[in-house]
Protein backbone atom coordinates (compact mmCIF):
# COMPACT_ATOMS: atom_id res chain seq x y z
CA MET A 1 0.00 0.00 0.00
CA PRO A 2 2.00 2.98 -1.22
CA GLN A 3 -0.17 5.62 0.47
CA LEU A 4 1.29 4.56 3.84
CA ASN A 5 4.81 5.53 2.77
CA PRO A 6 5.50 8.74 4.77
CA GLY A 7 8.61 9.63 2.78
CA PRO A 8 7.37 12.19 0.24
CA TRP A 9 4.35 13.33 2.26
CA PHE A 10 6.37 14.25 5.32
CA MET A 11 8.56 16.61 3.28
CA ILE A 12 5.46 18.15 1.70
CA LEU A 13 4.10 18.73 5.22
CA VAL A 14 7.38 20.31 6.34
CA TYR A 15 7.54 22.61 3.31
CA ALA A 16 3.91 23.64 3.76
CA TRP A 17 4.56 24.56 7.41
CA LEU A 18 7.66 26.50 6.44
CA LEU A 19 5.58 28.39 3.91
CA PHE A 20 2.89 29.19 6.46
CA LEU A 21 5.26 30.13 9.26
CA ALA A 22 7.92 32.08 7.35
CA ILE A 23 6.60 33.59 4.14
CA ILE A 24 2.89 34.27 4.62
CA PRO A 25 3.07 36.15 7.99
CA THR A 26 5.75 38.50 6.66
CA LYS A 27 3.61 39.30 3.62
CA ILE A 28 0.57 39.97 5.80
CA LEU A 29 2.48 42.15 8.28
CA ASN A 30 3.92 44.31 5.48
CA HIS A 31 0.48 45.75 4.69
CA ILE A 32 -0.26 49.18 6.11
CA SER A 33 -3.54 49.76 7.87
CA PRO A 34 -5.52 52.58 6.23
CA ASN A 35 -6.99 53.69 9.57
CA LYS A 36 -4.37 55.01 11.94
CA PRO A 37 -5.29 54.73 15.62
CA THR A 38 -6.10 58.07 17.19
CA SER A 39 -5.57 59.01 20.80
CA VAL A 40 -8.64 59.34 22.96
CA SER A 41 -9.11 62.69 24.60
CA ALA A 42 -9.52 62.83 28.38
CA LYS A 43 -12.38 65.32 28.05
CA LYS A 44 -15.80 63.91 28.91
CA HIS A 45 -18.61 64.41 26.47
CA LYS A 46 -21.55 66.45 27.66
CA THR A 47 -24.69 64.41 27.45
CA GLY A 48 -28.15 65.66 28.18
CA SER A 49 -30.97 63.73 29.74
CA TRP A 50 -33.43 62.10 27.40
CA HIS A 51 -37.02 63.22 27.71
CA TRP A 52 -39.39 60.50 26.70
CA PRO A 53 -42.51 61.87 24.97
CA TRP A 54 -44.92 59.48 26.76
């Protein structure tokens, strides 16, 4: 039963993990986020009470 021979499939598994762990994360992390994080001001917002019409 040749499908039980782990020889070629183990190397394919190793190369796939090397691809996922080395190449793909660096490509993803090189992208720049279009929305830069902004600092939150310490000033509280003035909110009024809500008057229910019923």
